[in-house]
Amino acid sequence: MTTIKIYAAGAISNTTFEGSTHWYEELIDILPHEYRLLRPMRGKEFIKSFVMDDQNIRTLDRTDRYLTHIEAESASDRMVMIRDAWDLQRCDAVFMNLLETPDKVSIGCMMELGLAYAYRKPVVLVASANDITGVSVHPMVNHTIVARATTLYDGAQFLMSLFCDDL
């Protein structure tokens, strides 16, 4: 059985590690076992004790722990862009979850959306029906996605329909 690689895009700035990753497990539970998530936050568990702000600057928590050189490099702007672009090139589709930030546009997600479009990857967008930013209904966003949903479950159903072999 072929593995289907799904890039899991979602807001990261202005959130915690848990805040930007908790939905991964829910999506994994919905998708069949042949689906594998490419998660932008994989290997970055060290960020759990830090907060990410608009500039992706890691700030110290109460433990005064500093990032090691390897941690700092793997979380650097350059490496984030390189790895995300590489993951987007090698994935089969993109699952973009904007449910976590209904009141703010995620610049990183919009970059990922543009790269996915350039790489000809289908994108399933999940956003609140009450998206006050308007980003999920922007004409350019509409042109780059193959499906829109308001729940992770419905988005997963759209995603699976892309790879369905049934006639």
Foldseek 3Di string as FASTA:
>chain_A
DAAAEEEEAEAQAQAAPCLTCVCVVVLCVLDDPSYDYDYLCPPLVVRNQFHQHPVRDTDGHPVPDDDDPVNCVCSDPVNSVVVLLVSLLPGQAYEYEYASPLPDDRPVVVVSLVSNQVSVHAYEYAYAPPRPVCVCVPPVNVVRHDYYHPDSNVSSVVVVVVVDPDD
